[in-house]
Protein backbone atom coordinates (compact mmCIF):
# COMPACT_ATOMS: atom_id res chain seq x y z
CA ASN A 1 31.84 -3.14 -11.52
CA HIS A 2 32.50 -6.28 -9.56
CA SER A 3 35.13 -7.12 -6.93
CA VAL A 4 37.06 -10.37 -7.38
CA GLY A 5 40.20 -11.90 -5.89
CA ARG A 6 43.18 -13.63 -7.42
CA GLY A 7 42.32 -17.13 -8.59
CA ASP A 8 38.57 -16.42 -8.67
CA ASN A 9 36.69 -17.80 -11.65
CA LEU A 10 34.32 -15.48 -13.45
CA ALA A 11 31.46 -16.66 -15.64
CA ILE A 12 30.55 -13.89 -18.08
CA PHE A 13 27.33 -14.12 -20.06
CA LEU A 14 27.25 -11.97 -23.18
CA ALA A 15 24.34 -10.20 -24.78
CA CYS A 16 24.61 -8.04 -27.83
CA ARG A 17 22.66 -5.31 -29.47
CA ASN A 18 23.91 -3.86 -32.70
CA ASP A 19 22.21 -0.61 -33.62
CA SER A 20 24.48 0.06 -36.55
CA GLY A 21 24.52 -1.16 -40.11
CA ILE A 22 27.99 -2.68 -39.62
CA ASP A 23 28.58 -6.32 -38.67
CA ILE A 24 30.46 -6.76 -35.35
CA LYS A 25 32.28 -10.08 -35.46
CA CYS A 26 34.09 -10.18 -32.10
CA ILE A 27 34.89 -8.24 -28.95
CA GLU A 28 37.61 -8.04 -26.29
CA ILE A 29 37.06 -8.53 -22.54
CA GLN A 30 39.54 -7.12 -20.02
CA ILE A 31 39.93 -7.56 -16.27
CA VAL A 32 41.16 -4.18 -15.03
CA GLU A 33 42.68 -3.57 -11.60
CA TYR A 34 41.83 -0.09 -10.32
CA VAL A 35 43.76 1.27 -7.30
CA ARG A 36 43.20 4.62 -5.55
CA TRP A 37 45.20 5.90 -2.62
CA THR A 38 45.52 9.15 -0.68
CA LEU A 39 48.89 10.55 0.37
CA GLY A 40 49.32 12.29 3.73
CA LYS A 41 47.26 15.07 5.22
CA ILE A 42 47.09 17.08 2.01
CA GLN A 43 44.66 14.54 0.57
CA ASP A 44 46.62 14.15 -2.66
CA THR A 45 44.78 11.27 -4.39
CA LYS A 46 46.44 9.03 -6.98
CA ASP A 47 44.75 6.49 -9.27
CA THR A 48 46.32 3.66 -11.24
CA TYR A 49 44.85 1.17 -13.70
CA SER A 50 46.36 -2.13 -14.86
CA VAL A 51 44.99 -4.69 -17.29
CA LEU A 52 45.37 -8.04 -15.51
CA LYS A 53 43.94 -10.22 -18.25
CA SER A 54 42.61 -9.72 -21.74
CA VAL A 55 40.56 -12.11 -23.87
CA LYS A 56 40.67 -11.00 -27.49
CA SER A 57 38.66 -12.00 -30.52
CA LEU A 58 35.76 -13.35 -28.50
CA ALA A 59 32.95 -14.38 -30.86
CA LEU A 60 29.60 -12.72 -30.32
CA PRO A 61 26.24 -14.50 -30.29
CA SER A 62 25.04 -15.25 -33.80
CA SER A 63 21.95 -13.12 -33.15
CA CYS A 64 24.11 -9.96 -33.02
CA LYS A 65 23.53 -8.92 -36.59
CA PRO A 66 23.52 -5.39 -37.92
CA CYS A 67 20.25 -3.49 -38.24
CA SER A 68 18.80 -2.72 -41.61
CA ASN A 69 19.14 0.93 -42.61
CA SER A 70 15.44 1.48 -41.87
CA GLU A 71 15.85 0.26 -38.23
CA ILE A 72 18.96 2.28 -37.23
CA GLY A 73 18.20 4.68 -34.37
CA LYS A 74 14.49 3.76 -34.17
CA ARG A 75 14.48 1.41 -31.16
CA SER A 76 13.56 2.93 -27.81
CA PRO A 77 15.94 2.44 -24.85
CA LYS A 78 13.29 0.25 -23.19
CA ALA A 79 13.06 -1.97 -26.28
CA LEU A 80 16.87 -2.22 -26.47
CA ASN A 81 17.11 -3.26 -22.81
CA ARG A 82 14.36 -5.85 -23.28
CA TYR A 83 16.19 -7.22 -26.31
CA CYS A 84 19.46 -7.61 -24.34
CA LEU A 85 17.69 -9.29 -21.43
CA GLU A 86 16.07 -11.82 -23.78
CA GLU A 87 19.45 -12.40 -25.44
CA LEU A 88 21.02 -13.16 -22.02
CA LYS A 89 18.21 -15.61 -21.20
CA ARG A 90 18.76 -17.48 -24.50
CA ARG A 91 22.53 -17.71 -24.15
CA HIS A 92 23.58 -20.61 -21.93
CA GLU A 93 27.32 -20.73 -22.67
CA PRO A 94 29.27 -18.26 -20.53
CA VAL A 95 32.86 -17.21 -21.09
CA PHE A 96 35.00 -18.42 -18.15
CA ILE A 97 37.96 -16.31 -17.03
CA THR A 98 40.28 -16.97 -14.08
CA VAL A 99 41.63 -13.84 -12.39
CA PRO A 100 45.46 -13.98 -12.45
């Protein structure tokens, strides 16, 4: 979660881990506005969600290849997190999105 204002520019760096045997070619990024308010003394809370912007068919890093069948489910959570951190360090081209 991150708070941004209208007109703010976001630089999003992507890392990918693919623990399946299926190739993932692209993803979608959404900026979602979440609003919560409370009505009167009865504390009736309402929530609303709106998608402000969507970037579809965003290509993933070329290193996000599927695992071989022998590797699926065998990486520890610590190893997966280390892998994603290294992927973020290697990737120097962020996706830029302006909040509408």
